[in-house]
């Protein structure tokens, strides 16, 4: 749900408004779990939105985030 909230913010505002992170904070989700889930969901969203030319910029952003997250491992 947190990644979905974050995605909506990116789509509507072009930036992450922090609502997704605040949700995870509220429920005390550990950083390692956030990282794993974030990588999986964002990579999946790249595939879904890559089929929609309208969201090419969003796909590039998500792909860059996934690459960065995996590099930090």
C-alpha atoms as a PDB file:
ATOM      1  CA  UNK A   1       0.000   0.000   0.000  1.00  0.00           C
ATOM      2  CA  UNK A   2       2.839   2.401   0.801  1.00  0.00           C
ATOM      3  CA  UNK A   3       4.337   1.985  -2.678  1.00  0.00           C
ATOM      4  CA  UNK A   4       0.913   2.578  -4.227  1.00  0.00           C
ATOM      5  CA  UNK A   5       0.512   5.808  -2.241  1.00  0.00           C
ATOM      6  CA  UNK A   6       3.990   6.851  -3.356  1.00  0.00           C
ATOM      7  CA  UNK A   7       3.188   6.012  -6.981  1.00  0.00           C
ATOM      8  CA  UNK A   8       0.069   8.186  -6.921  1.00  0.00           C
ATOM      9  CA  UNK A   9       2.093  11.095  -5.604  1.00  0.00           C
ATOM     10  CA  UNK A  10       4.663  10.629  -8.372  1.00  0.00           C
ATOM     11  CA  UNK A  11       1.927  10.489 -10.999  1.00  0.00           C
ATOM     12  CA  UNK A  12       0.009  13.495  -9.727  1.00  0.00           C
ATOM     13  CA  UNK A  13       2.804  15.763  -8.481  1.00  0.00           C
ATOM     14  CA  UNK A  14       5.928  14.435 -10.145  1.00  0.00           C
ATOM     15  CA  UNK A  15       7.543  13.971  -6.741  1.00  0.00           C
ATOM     16  CA  UNK A  16       7.403  11.763  -3.681  1.00  0.00           C
ATOM     17  CA  UNK A  17       5.447  13.597  -0.995  1.00  0.00           C
ATOM     18  CA  UNK A  18       6.621  11.233   1.754  1.00  0.00           C
ATOM     19  CA  UNK A  19       3.191   9.776   2.522  1.00  0.00           C
ATOM     20  CA  UNK A  20       4.288   6.224   1.738  1.00  0.00           C
ATOM     21  CA  UNK A  21       7.315   6.503   4.023  1.00  0.00           C
ATOM     22  CA  UNK A  22       5.147   8.025   6.756  1.00  0.00           C
ATOM     23  CA  UNK A  23       2.807   5.043   6.508  1.00  0.00           C
ATOM     24  CA  UNK A  24       5.713   2.623   6.895  1.00  0.00           C
ATOM     25  CA  UNK A  25       7.038   4.664   9.826  1.00  0.00           C
ATOM     26  CA  UNK A  26       3.652   4.552  11.501  1.00  0.00           C
ATOM     27  CA  UNK A  27       3.565   0.763  11.331  1.00  0.00           C
ATOM     28  CA  UNK A  28       7.222   0.364  12.328  1.00  0.00           C
ATOM     29  CA  UNK A  29       8.311  -1.460   9.176  1.00  0.00           C
ATOM     30  CA  UNK A  30      12.038  -2.207   9.356  1.00  0.00           C
ATOM     31  CA  UNK A  31      14.413  -0.675   6.818  1.00  0.00           C
ATOM     32  CA  UNK A  32      15.463  -4.053   5.388  1.00  0.00           C
ATOM     33  CA  UNK A  33      11.854  -5.002   4.677  1.00  0.00           C
ATOM     34  CA  UNK A  34      11.204  -1.585   3.127  1.00  0.00           C
ATOM     35  CA  UNK A  35      14.222  -2.011   0.867  1.00  0.00           C
ATOM     36  CA  UNK A  36      13.256  -5.514  -0.305  1.00  0.00           C
ATOM     37  CA  UNK A  37       9.646  -4.645  -0.909  1.00  0.00           C
ATOM     38  CA  UNK A  38      10.538  -1.333  -2.551  1.00  0.00           C
ATOM     39  CA  UNK A  39      12.880  -2.989  -5.043  1.00  0.00           C
ATOM     40  CA  UNK A  40      10.320  -5.648  -5.978  1.00  0.00           C
ATOM     41  CA  UNK A  41       7.367  -3.300  -6.344  1.00  0.00           C
ATOM     42  CA  UNK A  42       9.258  -0.595  -8.224  1.00  0.00           C
ATOM     43  CA  UNK A  43      10.776  -3.143 -10.622  1.00  0.00           C
ATOM     44  CA  UNK A  44       7.310  -4.563 -11.249  1.00  0.00           C
ATOM     45  CA  UNK A  45       5.904  -1.088 -11.859  1.00  0.00           C
ATOM     46  CA  UNK A  46       8.648  -0.486 -14.441  1.00  0.00           C
ATOM     47  CA  UNK A  47       7.328  -3.441 -16.419  1.00  0.00           C
ATOM     48  CA  UNK A  48       3.698  -2.399 -16.123  1.00  0.00           C
ATOM     49  CA  UNK A  49       4.215   1.255 -16.986  1.00  0.00           C
ATOM     50  CA  UNK A  50       6.777   0.560 -19.733  1.00  0.00           C
ATOM     51  CA  UNK A  51       3.821  -0.551 -21.845  1.00  0.00           C
ATOM     52  CA  UNK A  52       2.294   2.920 -21.549  1.00  0.00           C
ATOM     53  CA  UNK A  53       4.230   5.592 -23.471  1.00  0.00           C
ATOM     54  CA  UNK A  54       2.555   8.330 -21.435  1.00  0.00           C
ATOM     55  CA  UNK A  55       4.512   7.205 -18.367  1.00  0.00           C
ATOM     56  CA  UNK A  56       7.979   6.963 -19.973  1.00  0.00           C
ATOM     57  CA  UNK A  57       9.427   9.552 -17.579  1.00  0.00           C
ATOM     58  CA  UNK A  58       7.970   7.736 -14.557  1.00  0.00           C
ATOM     59  CA  UNK A  59       9.437   4.442 -15.788  1.00  0.00           C
ATOM     60  CA  UNK A  60      12.888   6.015 -16.091  1.00  0.00           C
ATOM     61  CA  UNK A  61      12.619   7.386 -12.563  1.00  0.00           C
ATOM     62  CA  UNK A  62      11.525   4.033 -11.116  1.00  0.00           C
ATOM     63  CA  UNK A  63      14.250   2.214 -13.056  1.00  0.00           C
ATOM     64  CA  UNK A  64      16.856   4.625 -11.741  1.00  0.00           C
ATOM     65  CA  UNK A  65      15.589   4.098  -8.197  1.00  0.00           C
ATOM     66  CA  UNK A  66      15.734   0.311  -8.564  1.00  0.00           C
ATOM     67  CA  UNK A  67      19.262   0.503  -9.970  1.00  0.00           C
ATOM     68  CA  UNK A  68      20.355   2.731  -7.086  1.00  0.00           C
ATOM     69  CA  UNK A  69      18.711   0.534  -4.477  1.00  0.00           C
ATOM     70  CA  UNK A  70      20.337  -2.611  -5.871  1.00  0.00           C
ATOM     71  CA  UNK A  71      23.739  -0.914  -6.082  1.00  0.00           C
ATOM     72  CA  UNK A  72      23.518  -0.038  -2.388  1.00  0.00           C
ATOM     73  CA  UNK A  73      22.324  -3.582  -1.675  1.00  0.00           C
END
